[in-house]
Amino acid sequence: MSIIYLASQNKHKVQEIAAILGKSWDIRPCDDLEPGISWDETGKTFRENALIKAQAVMEKGAHSVISDDSGLEVYALGGEPGIYSARYAGPDAIDEDNNLKLLKAINHLPDEQLKARFVCVICFLQEGASPLYFEGSCEGHLIRKTTGLRGFGYDPLFVPGGYHETFAELGDDVKNQISHRAKALEEFQDFLTHEY
């Protein structure tokens, strides 16, 4: 099987995706192709941003690329932070900044309006082919303070449906089975299994 490059500069995503997909496929970070590949996420949807990332890596000579765009959508905030999840508190924001801004945004909301979901779109782009998309979501709710030490992003604030602990408390073994990214990657893996 040919190499599939992963269009991501987020080391946590790279590790998570590698853990979910396992060693079944030859998936490598885009820095293995060319260090420092970059892109501007100017899309208006998760799909558009995932495609932008995949195309940026294809332009550097890859034949097959997967990319991921994902984020947290809080229903009572009209879907915010959404596609801006990684930069919710600004272009140079770190996870703690984004979590703090989100906590301020939900401060006025009653508990029953803290429903949210994580969304993930995987784009698979091959030379000479149209992009294919694989999507997953994970419903849950937010809590009012960060809890747990594992994970990244909004994991310390998000409790997935059917659980009483945040993603950051549950840890990778559970998260990598039930998360939005796990669901999208499961679809992608099914596709690869049947097409390769």
N, C-alpha and C. Protein backbone atom coordinates (compact mmCIF):
# COMPACT_ATOMS: atom_id res chain seq x y z
N MET A 1 0.83 -1.19 0.00
CA MET A 1 0.00 0.00 0.00
C MET A 1 0.88 1.25 0.00
N SER A 2 0.42 2.28 -0.65
CA SER A 2 1.18 3.52 -0.71
C SER A 2 1.09 4.28 0.61
N ILE A 3 1.98 5.22 0.76
CA ILE A 3 2.01 6.06 1.95
C ILE A 3 0.83 7.03 1.91
N ILE A 4 0.18 7.21 3.05
CA ILE A 4 -0.86 8.22 3.20
C ILE A 4 -0.34 9.24 4.20
N TYR A 5 -0.24 10.49 3.77
CA TYR A 5 0.25 11.54 4.65
C TYR A 5 -0.91 12.17 5.41
N LEU A 6 -0.66 12.52 6.66
CA LEU A 6 -1.65 13.15 7.52
C LEU A 6 -1.37 14.64 7.57
N ALA A 7 -2.32 15.43 7.10
CA ALA A 7 -2.18 16.89 7.07
C ALA A 7 -2.59 17.47 8.41
N SER A 8 -1.65 17.55 9.32
CA SER A 8 -1.91 18.15 10.62
C SER A 8 -0.60 18.62 11.23
N GLN A 9 -0.65 19.78 11.86
CA GLN A 9 0.49 20.28 12.63
C GLN A 9 0.24 20.10 14.12
N ASN A 10 -0.92 19.54 14.47
CA ASN A 10 -1.29 19.33 15.86
C ASN A 10 -0.77 17.96 16.30
N LYS A 11 0.28 17.96 17.11
CA LYS A 11 0.91 16.70 17.50
C LYS A 11 -0.05 15.80 18.27
N HIS A 12 -0.98 16.39 19.01
CA HIS A 12 -1.96 15.58 19.74
C HIS A 12 -2.88 14.84 18.77
N LYS A 13 -3.31 15.53 17.71
CA LYS A 13 -4.16 14.88 16.70
C LYS A 13 -3.40 13.77 15.99
N VAL A 14 -2.15 14.04 15.66
CA VAL A 14 -1.34 13.03 14.97
C VAL A 14 -1.25 11.77 15.83
N GLN A 15 -0.97 11.94 17.12
CA GLN A 15 -0.86 10.80 18.03
C GLN A 15 -2.19 10.08 18.16
N GLU A 16 -3.27 10.84 18.29
CA GLU A 16 -4.60 10.25 18.46
C GLU A 16 -5.00 9.46 17.22
N ILE A 17 -4.80 10.05 16.05
CA ILE A 17 -5.17 9.37 14.80
C ILE A 17 -4.33 8.11 14.61
N ALA A 18 -3.05 8.21 14.90
CA ALA A 18 -2.18 7.03 14.78
C ALA A 18 -2.63 5.92 15.74
N ALA A 19 -3.03 6.31 16.95
CA ALA A 19 -3.48 5.31 17.93
C ALA A 19 -4.78 4.64 17.48
N ILE A 20 -5.68 5.41 16.90
CA ILE A 20 -6.96 4.86 16.46
C ILE A 20 -6.78 3.95 15.25
N LEU A 21 -6.01 4.40 14.28
CA LEU A 21 -5.83 3.60 13.05
C LEU A 21 -4.89 2.42 13.25
N GLY A 22 -4.03 2.53 14.23
CA GLY A 22 -3.10 1.43 14.49
C GLY A 22 -2.06 1.30 13.40
N LYS A 23 -1.48 0.14 13.32
CA LYS A 23 -0.38 -0.10 12.39
C LYS A 23 -0.84 -0.74 11.09
N SER A 24 -2.14 -0.72 10.85
CA SER A 24 -2.68 -1.37 9.65
C SER A 24 -2.32 -0.62 8.37
N TRP A 25 -2.08 0.67 8.49
CA TRP A 25 -1.85 1.51 7.30
C TRP A 25 -0.57 2.29 7.46
N ASP A 26 0.08 2.63 6.35
CA ASP A 26 1.32 3.40 6.38
C ASP A 26 0.97 4.88 6.35
N ILE A 27 0.56 5.40 7.51
CA ILE A 27 0.16 6.80 7.63
C ILE A 27 1.27 7.55 8.34
N ARG A 28 1.70 8.64 7.70
CA ARG A 28 2.82 9.42 8.21
C ARG A 28 2.44 10.89 8.35
N PRO A 29 3.04 11.59 9.32
CA PRO A 29 2.78 13.03 9.45
C PRO A 29 3.32 13.78 8.24
N CYS A 30 2.67 14.88 7.89
CA CYS A 30 3.08 15.63 6.69
C CYS A 30 4.49 16.19 6.81
N ASP A 31 4.99 16.36 8.03
CA ASP A 31 6.37 16.83 8.20
C ASP A 31 7.39 15.83 7.67
N ASP A 32 6.99 14.55 7.55
CA ASP A 32 7.88 13.56 6.93
C ASP A 32 8.07 13.83 5.44
N LEU A 33 7.08 14.46 4.82
CA LEU A 33 7.14 14.80 3.40
C LEU A 33 7.96 16.07 3.22
N GLU A 34 7.61 17.08 3.98
CA GLU A 34 8.33 18.36 3.97
C GLU A 34 8.05 19.08 5.28
N PRO A 35 9.07 19.32 6.08
CA PRO A 35 8.85 20.01 7.36
C PRO A 35 8.26 21.40 7.16
N GLY A 36 7.34 21.75 8.04
CA GLY A 36 6.79 23.10 8.06
C GLY A 36 5.71 23.40 7.04
N ILE A 37 5.08 22.39 6.46
CA ILE A 37 3.97 22.66 5.54
C ILE A 37 2.90 23.42 6.32
N SER A 38 2.39 24.48 5.71
CA SER A 38 1.38 25.28 6.41
C SER A 38 0.22 25.61 5.49
N TRP A 39 -0.85 26.08 6.08
CA TRP A 39 -2.07 26.45 5.35
C TRP A 39 -2.84 27.43 6.21
N ASP A 40 -3.72 28.17 5.58
CA ASP A 40 -4.63 29.07 6.29
C ASP A 40 -6.01 28.45 6.25
N GLU A 41 -6.61 28.28 7.41
CA GLU A 41 -7.95 27.70 7.49
C GLU A 41 -8.98 28.80 7.20
N THR A 42 -9.22 29.03 5.93
CA THR A 42 -10.13 30.10 5.50
C THR A 42 -11.51 29.58 5.13
N GLY A 43 -11.73 28.30 5.27
CA GLY A 43 -13.03 27.72 4.93
C GLY A 43 -14.11 28.15 5.90
N LYS A 44 -15.34 27.99 5.47
CA LYS A 44 -16.51 28.34 6.30
C LYS A 44 -17.13 27.11 6.95
N THR A 45 -16.61 25.93 6.62
CA THR A 45 -17.13 24.69 7.18
C THR A 45 -15.96 23.77 7.53
N PHE A 46 -16.24 22.75 8.32
CA PHE A 46 -15.21 21.75 8.63
C PHE A 46 -14.72 21.08 7.35
N ARG A 47 -15.64 20.79 6.43
CA ARG A 47 -15.26 20.15 5.17
C ARG A 47 -14.29 21.02 4.37
N GLU A 48 -14.63 22.30 4.26
CA GLU A 48 -13.77 23.20 3.48
C GLU A 48 -12.37 23.28 4.09
N ASN A 49 -12.29 23.39 5.41
CA ASN A 49 -10.98 23.47 6.06
C ASN A 49 -10.20 22.17 5.93
N ALA A 50 -10.89 21.04 6.02
CA ALA A 50 -10.20 19.75 5.85
C ALA A 50 -9.63 19.64 4.44
N LEU A 51 -10.38 20.11 3.45
CA LEU A 51 -9.91 20.06 2.06
C LEU A 51 -8.71 20.99 1.86
N ILE A 52 -8.75 22.18 2.45
CA ILE A 52 -7.63 23.12 2.34
C ILE A 52 -6.34 22.47 2.85
N LYS A 53 -6.43 21.80 3.99
CA LYS A 53 -5.25 21.13 4.56
C LYS A 53 -4.74 20.03 3.64
N ALA A 54 -5.66 19.20 3.16
CA ALA A 54 -5.25 18.08 2.28
C ALA A 54 -4.61 18.60 1.00
N GLN A 55 -5.18 19.64 0.41
CA GLN A 55 -4.62 20.19 -0.82
C GLN A 55 -3.23 20.77 -0.60
N ALA A 56 -3.01 21.40 0.55
CA ALA A 56 -1.69 21.97 0.85
C ALA A 56 -0.62 20.90 0.87
N VAL A 57 -0.95 19.73 1.40
CA VAL A 57 0.03 18.64 1.45
C VAL A 57 0.18 17.99 0.07
N MET A 58 -0.91 17.87 -0.67
CA MET A 58 -0.83 17.32 -2.03
C MET A 58 0.09 18.17 -2.90
N GLU A 59 0.04 19.48 -2.71
CA GLU A 59 0.87 20.39 -3.51
C GLU A 59 2.36 20.18 -3.26
N LYS A 60 2.70 19.53 -2.16
CA LYS A 60 4.11 19.26 -1.84
C LYS A 60 4.57 17.90 -2.36
N GLY A 61 3.72 17.21 -3.11
CA GLY A 61 4.15 15.98 -3.75
C GLY A 61 3.55 14.69 -3.22
N ALA A 62 2.64 14.77 -2.26
CA ALA A 62 2.00 13.55 -1.75
C ALA A 62 1.04 13.00 -2.80
N HIS A 63 0.87 11.69 -2.79
CA HIS A 63 -0.09 11.05 -3.69
C HIS A 63 -1.41 10.75 -3.00
N SER A 64 -1.35 10.58 -1.67
CA SER A 64 -2.55 10.31 -0.87
C SER A 64 -2.42 11.06 0.45
N VAL A 65 -3.50 11.75 0.85
CA VAL A 65 -3.48 12.56 2.07
C VAL A 65 -4.79 12.38 2.81
N ILE A 66 -4.70 12.31 4.14
CA ILE A 66 -5.90 12.48 4.96
C ILE A 66 -5.69 13.74 5.79
N SER A 67 -6.78 14.43 6.02
CA SER A 67 -6.74 15.60 6.89
C SER A 67 -7.96 15.55 7.79
N ASP A 68 -7.89 16.32 8.83
CA ASP A 68 -8.95 16.34 9.83
C ASP A 68 -9.25 17.79 10.15
N ASP A 69 -10.50 18.14 10.18
CA ASP A 69 -10.89 19.41 10.79
C ASP A 69 -12.00 19.07 11.76
N SER A 70 -11.87 19.61 12.94
CA SER A 70 -12.82 19.24 13.98
C SER A 70 -12.99 20.40 14.93
N GLY A 71 -14.03 20.30 15.74
CA GLY A 71 -14.27 21.35 16.71
C GLY A 71 -15.44 21.03 17.60
N LEU A 72 -15.66 21.92 18.53
CA LEU A 72 -16.74 21.80 19.50
C LEU A 72 -17.85 22.76 19.11
N GLU A 73 -19.07 22.27 19.12
CA GLU A 73 -20.24 23.10 18.84
C GLU A 73 -21.15 23.11 20.07
N VAL A 74 -21.36 24.30 20.61
CA VAL A 74 -22.26 24.46 21.75
C VAL A 74 -23.58 24.97 21.21
N TYR A 75 -24.63 24.19 21.39
CA TYR A 75 -25.92 24.51 20.78
C TYR A 75 -26.43 25.88 21.20
N ALA A 76 -26.36 26.21 22.49
CA ALA A 76 -26.90 27.47 22.99
C ALA A 76 -26.07 28.68 22.55
N LEU A 77 -24.89 28.43 22.01
CA LEU A 77 -24.05 29.52 21.49
C LEU A 77 -24.09 29.57 19.97
N GLY A 78 -25.13 28.98 19.39
CA GLY A 78 -25.26 29.00 17.93
C GLY A 78 -24.19 28.19 17.21
N GLY A 79 -23.64 27.19 17.89
CA GLY A 79 -22.62 26.35 17.27
C GLY A 79 -21.19 26.80 17.54
N GLU A 80 -21.02 27.87 18.28
CA GLU A 80 -19.65 28.31 18.62
C GLU A 80 -19.03 27.31 19.59
N PRO A 81 -17.73 27.23 19.60
CA PRO A 81 -16.74 27.88 18.75
C PRO A 81 -16.64 27.29 17.34
N GLY A 82 -17.16 26.10 17.11
CA GLY A 82 -17.23 25.55 15.75
C GLY A 82 -15.90 25.47 15.04
N ILE A 83 -15.87 25.98 13.79
CA ILE A 83 -14.64 25.89 13.00
C ILE A 83 -13.51 26.74 13.58
N TYR A 84 -13.85 27.60 14.54
CA TYR A 84 -12.83 28.44 15.18
C TYR A 84 -12.35 27.85 16.50
N SER A 85 -12.66 26.60 16.78
CA SER A 85 -12.35 25.99 18.08
C SER A 85 -10.89 26.15 18.49
N ALA A 86 -9.96 25.91 17.59
CA ALA A 86 -8.53 25.97 17.93
C ALA A 86 -8.05 27.39 18.16
N ARG A 87 -8.77 28.36 17.62
CA ARG A 87 -8.35 29.76 17.75
C ARG A 87 -9.48 30.64 18.30
N TYR A 88 -10.32 30.05 19.12
CA TYR A 88 -11.48 30.73 19.70
C TYR A 88 -11.08 31.99 20.46
N ALA A 89 -10.00 31.91 21.21
CA ALA A 89 -9.54 33.05 22.01
C ALA A 89 -8.49 33.88 21.27
N GLY A 90 -8.28 33.61 19.99
CA GLY A 90 -7.32 34.36 19.20
C GLY A 90 -6.40 33.44 18.43
N PRO A 91 -5.69 34.00 17.44
CA PRO A 91 -4.86 33.17 16.55
C PRO A 91 -3.71 32.45 17.26
N ASP A 92 -3.23 32.98 18.35
CA ASP A 92 -2.12 32.35 19.07
C ASP A 92 -2.57 31.71 20.38
N ALA A 93 -3.87 31.49 20.51
CA ALA A 93 -4.42 30.95 21.75
C ALA A 93 -3.94 29.52 22.00
N ILE A 94 -3.77 29.20 23.26
CA ILE A 94 -3.49 27.83 23.67
C ILE A 94 -4.77 27.25 24.27
N ASP A 95 -4.76 25.96 24.55
CA ASP A 95 -5.96 25.30 25.04
C ASP A 95 -6.57 26.00 26.25
N GLU A 96 -5.74 26.39 27.19
CA GLU A 96 -6.24 27.04 28.40
C GLU A 96 -6.97 28.35 28.08
N ASP A 97 -6.46 29.12 27.12
CA ASP A 97 -7.11 30.37 26.71
C ASP A 97 -8.49 30.09 26.12
N ASN A 98 -8.56 29.10 25.25
CA ASN A 98 -9.83 28.75 24.61
C ASN A 98 -10.84 28.25 25.64
N ASN A 99 -10.38 27.42 26.57
CA ASN A 99 -11.27 26.91 27.61
C ASN A 99 -11.79 28.04 28.49
N LEU A 100 -10.93 28.98 28.83
CA LEU A 100 -11.35 30.12 29.65
C LEU A 100 -12.38 30.97 28.93
N LYS A 101 -12.16 31.23 27.65
CA LYS A 101 -13.14 32.01 26.88
C LYS A 101 -14.47 31.28 26.81
N LEU A 102 -14.43 29.97 26.61
CA LEU A 102 -15.68 29.20 26.55
C LEU A 102 -16.39 29.23 27.90
N LEU A 103 -15.66 29.09 28.98
CA LEU A 103 -16.29 29.14 30.31
C LEU A 103 -16.98 30.48 30.53
N LYS A 104 -16.37 31.56 30.08
CA LYS A 104 -17.01 32.88 30.20
C LYS A 104 -18.25 32.96 29.33
N ALA A 105 -18.20 32.37 28.14
CA ALA A 105 -19.33 32.42 27.21
C ALA A 105 -20.54 31.64 27.74
N ILE A 106 -20.29 30.56 28.48
CA ILE A 106 -21.41 29.75 28.98
C ILE A 106 -21.82 30.12 30.40
N ASN A 107 -21.12 31.06 31.00
CA ASN A 107 -21.36 31.41 32.40
C ASN A 107 -22.82 31.77 32.67
N HIS A 108 -23.47 32.45 31.74
CA HIS A 108 -24.85 32.91 31.93
C HIS A 108 -25.89 31.83 31.61
N LEU A 109 -25.47 30.72 31.05
CA LEU A 109 -26.40 29.69 30.62
C LEU A 109 -26.80 28.77 31.77
N PRO A 110 -28.08 28.38 31.82
CA PRO A 110 -28.46 27.36 32.81
C PRO A 110 -27.89 26.00 32.42
N ASP A 111 -27.77 25.11 33.37
CA ASP A 111 -27.15 23.81 33.13
C ASP A 111 -27.79 23.05 31.98
N GLU A 112 -29.11 23.14 31.84
CA GLU A 112 -29.79 22.39 30.79
C GLU A 112 -29.46 22.91 29.39
N GLN A 113 -28.79 24.05 29.29
CA GLN A 113 -28.39 24.58 27.99
C GLN A 113 -26.90 24.38 27.70
N LEU A 114 -26.29 23.47 28.40
CA LEU A 114 -24.86 23.22 28.20
C LEU A 114 -24.61 22.04 27.25
N LYS A 115 -25.63 21.66 26.50
CA LYS A 115 -25.47 20.57 25.53
C LYS A 115 -24.52 21.02 24.41
N ALA A 116 -23.66 20.08 24.01
CA ALA A 116 -22.65 20.39 22.99
C ALA A 116 -22.30 19.10 22.27
N ARG A 117 -21.57 19.27 21.19
CA ARG A 117 -21.06 18.09 20.50
C ARG A 117 -19.73 18.42 19.87
N PHE A 118 -18.89 17.39 19.79
CA PHE A 118 -17.67 17.47 19.02
C PHE A 118 -17.98 16.95 17.62
N VAL A 119 -17.42 17.60 16.61
CA VAL A 119 -17.60 17.22 15.22
C VAL A 119 -16.23 17.01 14.60
N CYS A 120 -16.11 16.00 13.76
CA CYS A 120 -14.86 15.74 13.04
C CYS A 120 -15.18 15.41 11.59
N VAL A 121 -14.46 16.03 10.68
CA VAL A 121 -14.54 15.69 9.26
C VAL A 121 -13.15 15.27 8.81
N ILE A 122 -13.06 14.07 8.28
CA ILE A 122 -11.82 13.56 7.68
C ILE A 122 -11.96 13.71 6.17
N CYS A 123 -10.96 14.30 5.54
CA CYS A 123 -10.92 14.39 4.08
C CYS A 123 -9.82 13.45 3.59
N PHE A 124 -10.16 12.63 2.61
CA PHE A 124 -9.18 11.74 1.99
C PHE A 124 -9.03 12.19 0.55
N LEU A 125 -7.83 12.59 0.19
CA LEU A 125 -7.56 13.12 -1.14
C LEU A 125 -6.45 12.30 -1.78
N GLN A 126 -6.73 11.82 -2.98
CA GLN A 126 -5.74 11.07 -3.75
C GLN A 126 -5.50 11.80 -5.06
N GLU A 127 -4.30 11.65 -5.56
CA GLU A 127 -3.91 12.27 -6.82
C GLU A 127 -4.90 11.88 -7.91
N GLY A 128 -5.46 12.88 -8.58
CA GLY A 128 -6.36 12.65 -9.70
C GLY A 128 -7.77 12.24 -9.34
N ALA A 129 -8.12 12.28 -8.06
CA ALA A 129 -9.46 11.85 -7.63
C ALA A 129 -10.17 12.97 -6.87
N SER A 130 -11.47 12.88 -6.81
CA SER A 130 -12.25 13.83 -6.02
C SER A 130 -12.08 13.53 -4.54
N PRO A 131 -12.18 14.56 -3.70
CA PRO A 131 -12.04 14.31 -2.26
C PRO A 131 -13.20 13.46 -1.73
N LEU A 132 -12.88 12.65 -0.74
CA LEU A 132 -13.89 11.86 -0.04
C LEU A 132 -13.92 12.32 1.41
N TYR A 133 -15.11 12.34 2.00
CA TYR A 133 -15.26 12.85 3.36
C TYR A 133 -15.87 11.77 4.26
N PHE A 134 -15.39 11.75 5.50
CA PHE A 134 -15.87 10.82 6.51
C PHE A 134 -16.13 11.65 7.76
N GLU A 135 -17.33 11.54 8.31
CA GLU A 135 -17.71 12.43 9.40
C GLU A 135 -18.13 11.66 10.64
N GLY A 136 -17.86 12.27 11.78
CA GLY A 136 -18.27 11.70 13.05
C GLY A 136 -18.60 12.80 14.03
N SER A 137 -19.46 12.49 14.98
CA SER A 137 -19.78 13.45 16.04
C SER A 137 -19.95 12.71 17.35
N CYS A 138 -19.80 13.44 18.43
CA CYS A 138 -19.97 12.89 19.77
C CYS A 138 -20.77 13.89 20.58
N GLU A 139 -21.98 13.50 20.94
CA GLU A 139 -22.86 14.36 21.73
C GLU A 139 -22.48 14.30 23.20
N GLY A 140 -22.76 15.38 23.91
CA GLY A 140 -22.50 15.42 25.34
C GLY A 140 -22.90 16.75 25.93
N HIS A 141 -22.25 17.12 27.00
CA HIS A 141 -22.53 18.42 27.62
C HIS A 141 -21.25 18.97 28.25
N LEU A 142 -21.28 20.25 28.52
CA LEU A 142 -20.14 20.92 29.13
C LEU A 142 -20.31 20.99 30.64
N ILE A 143 -19.20 21.10 31.33
CA ILE A 143 -19.22 21.38 32.76
C ILE A 143 -18.61 22.77 32.97
N ARG A 144 -18.69 23.27 34.18
CA ARG A 144 -18.34 24.67 34.43
C ARG A 144 -16.91 24.90 34.92
N LYS A 145 -16.12 23.86 34.98
CA LYS A 145 -14.69 24.03 35.31
C LYS A 145 -13.91 22.89 34.66
N THR A 146 -12.67 23.17 34.32
CA THR A 146 -11.85 22.14 33.68
C THR A 146 -11.58 21.03 34.70
N THR A 147 -11.73 19.79 34.22
CA THR A 147 -11.55 18.63 35.08
C THR A 147 -10.83 17.53 34.30
N GLY A 148 -9.75 17.03 34.87
CA GLY A 148 -8.99 15.97 34.23
C GLY A 148 -7.70 16.50 33.63
N LEU A 149 -6.73 15.62 33.52
CA LEU A 149 -5.39 16.02 33.08
C LEU A 149 -4.99 15.46 31.72
N ARG A 150 -5.80 14.57 31.17
CA ARG A 150 -5.43 13.95 29.89
C ARG A 150 -6.14 14.67 28.75
N GLY A 151 -5.81 14.27 27.55
CA GLY A 151 -6.46 14.84 26.38
C GLY A 151 -5.90 16.21 26.02
N PHE A 152 -6.66 16.93 25.20
CA PHE A 152 -6.24 18.25 24.75
C PHE A 152 -7.48 19.03 24.33
N GLY A 153 -7.28 20.30 23.99
CA GLY A 153 -8.40 21.13 23.55
C GLY A 153 -9.44 21.28 24.65
N TYR A 154 -10.69 21.01 24.29
CA TYR A 154 -11.81 21.19 25.21
C TYR A 154 -12.11 19.91 26.00
N ASP A 155 -11.25 18.91 25.92
CA ASP A 155 -11.48 17.64 26.63
C ASP A 155 -11.78 17.82 28.12
N PRO A 156 -11.14 18.78 28.83
CA PRO A 156 -11.42 18.92 30.27
C PRO A 156 -12.80 19.51 30.59
N LEU A 157 -13.51 20.00 29.56
CA LEU A 157 -14.84 20.60 29.78
C LEU A 157 -15.98 19.76 29.22
N PHE A 158 -15.67 18.73 28.45
CA PHE A 158 -16.70 17.99 27.71
C PHE A 158 -16.93 16.60 28.31
N VAL A 159 -18.20 16.35 28.67
CA VAL A 159 -18.61 15.04 29.17
C VAL A 159 -19.42 14.37 28.08
N PRO A 160 -18.93 13.27 27.50
CA PRO A 160 -19.68 12.59 26.44
C PRO A 160 -20.94 11.93 26.99
N GLY A 161 -21.96 11.84 26.13
CA GLY A 161 -23.21 11.22 26.52
C GLY A 161 -22.99 9.81 27.05
N GLY A 162 -23.69 9.48 28.14
CA GLY A 162 -23.57 8.15 28.73
C GLY A 162 -22.45 8.03 29.74
N TYR A 163 -21.70 9.10 29.95
CA TYR A 163 -20.58 9.09 30.89
C TYR A 163 -20.76 10.21 31.91
N HIS A 164 -20.01 10.12 33.00
CA HIS A 164 -20.06 11.14 34.05
C HIS A 164 -18.72 11.85 34.21
N GLU A 165 -17.76 11.49 33.38
CA GLU A 165 -16.44 12.09 33.44
C GLU A 165 -16.13 12.77 32.11
N THR A 166 -15.25 13.76 32.17
CA THR A 166 -14.84 14.45 30.94
C THR A 166 -13.92 13.54 30.13
N PHE A 167 -13.75 13.91 28.85
CA PHE A 167 -12.77 13.20 28.03
C PHE A 167 -11.39 13.21 28.70
N ALA A 168 -11.05 14.32 29.35
CA ALA A 168 -9.74 14.44 29.99
C ALA A 168 -9.60 13.51 31.19
N GLU A 169 -10.72 13.12 31.80
CA GLU A 169 -10.69 12.15 32.90
C GLU A 169 -10.75 10.72 32.38
N LEU A 170 -11.51 10.50 31.33
CA LEU A 170 -11.70 9.15 30.80
C LEU A 170 -10.43 8.57 30.21
N GLY A 171 -9.62 9.42 29.61
CA GLY A 171 -8.36 8.97 29.03
C GLY A 171 -8.49 8.44 27.62
N ASP A 172 -7.35 8.19 27.02
CA ASP A 172 -7.29 7.84 25.60
C ASP A 172 -7.98 6.53 25.25
N ASP A 173 -7.88 5.53 26.11
CA ASP A 173 -8.48 4.24 25.77
C ASP A 173 -9.97 4.35 25.52
N VAL A 174 -10.66 5.11 26.36
CA VAL A 174 -12.11 5.30 26.18
C VAL A 174 -12.37 6.30 25.06
N LYS A 175 -11.68 7.43 25.11
CA LYS A 175 -11.91 8.47 24.11
C LYS A 175 -11.70 7.94 22.70
N ASN A 176 -10.67 7.16 22.50
CA ASN A 176 -10.36 6.67 21.15
C ASN A 176 -11.34 5.62 20.64
N GLN A 177 -12.31 5.26 21.46
CA GLN A 177 -13.37 4.36 21.02
C GLN A 177 -14.68 5.09 20.74
N ILE A 178 -14.91 6.23 21.42
CA ILE A 178 -16.23 6.87 21.35
C ILE A 178 -16.22 8.28 20.77
N SER A 179 -15.07 8.84 20.54
CA SER A 179 -15.00 10.25 20.14
C SER A 179 -15.48 10.48 18.71
N HIS A 180 -15.71 11.73 18.41
CA HIS A 180 -16.05 12.19 17.07
C HIS A 180 -14.99 11.74 16.06
N ARG A 181 -13.73 11.88 16.43
CA ARG A 181 -12.63 11.50 15.54
C ARG A 181 -12.60 9.98 15.35
N ALA A 182 -12.82 9.24 16.42
CA ALA A 182 -12.85 7.78 16.31
C ALA A 182 -13.94 7.33 15.35
N LYS A 183 -15.10 7.97 15.42
CA LYS A 183 -16.22 7.59 14.54
C LYS A 183 -15.91 7.91 13.08
N ALA A 184 -15.34 9.08 12.82
CA ALA A 184 -14.98 9.44 11.45
C ALA A 184 -13.88 8.52 10.92
N LEU A 185 -12.91 8.22 11.76
CA LEU A 185 -11.81 7.34 11.34
C LEU A 185 -12.28 5.90 11.14
N GLU A 186 -13.29 5.48 11.87
CA GLU A 186 -13.85 4.15 11.66
C GLU A 186 -14.45 4.05 10.26
N GLU A 187 -15.16 5.10 9.84
CA GLU A 187 -15.69 5.13 8.47
C GLU A 187 -14.55 5.10 7.45
N PHE A 188 -13.50 5.88 7.72
CA PHE A 188 -12.35 5.93 6.82
C PHE A 188 -11.67 4.56 6.74
N GLN A 189 -11.50 3.92 7.87
CA GLN A 189 -10.87 2.59 7.89
C GLN A 189 -11.71 1.57 7.12
N ASP A 190 -13.03 1.65 7.27
CA ASP A 190 -13.91 0.75 6.52
C ASP A 190 -13.71 0.96 5.02
N PHE A 191 -13.61 2.23 4.62
CA PHE A 191 -13.38 2.54 3.21
C PHE A 191 -12.05 1.94 2.74
N LEU A 192 -10.98 2.17 3.50
CA LEU A 192 -9.67 1.64 3.11
C LEU A 192 -9.67 0.12 3.02
N THR A 193 -10.33 -0.51 3.96
CA THR A 193 -10.39 -1.98 3.98
C THR A 193 -11.04 -2.52 2.72
N HIS A 194 -12.07 -1.83 2.25
CA HIS A 194 -12.79 -2.31 1.07
C HIS A 194 -12.19 -1.83 -0.25
N GLU A 195 -11.43 -0.76 -0.21
CA GLU A 195 -10.90 -0.18 -1.45
C GLU A 195 -9.45 -0.56 -1.71
N TYR A 196 -8.71 -0.96 -0.68
CA TYR A 196 -7.28 -1.24 -0.86
C TYR A 196 -7.02 -2.72 -0.74
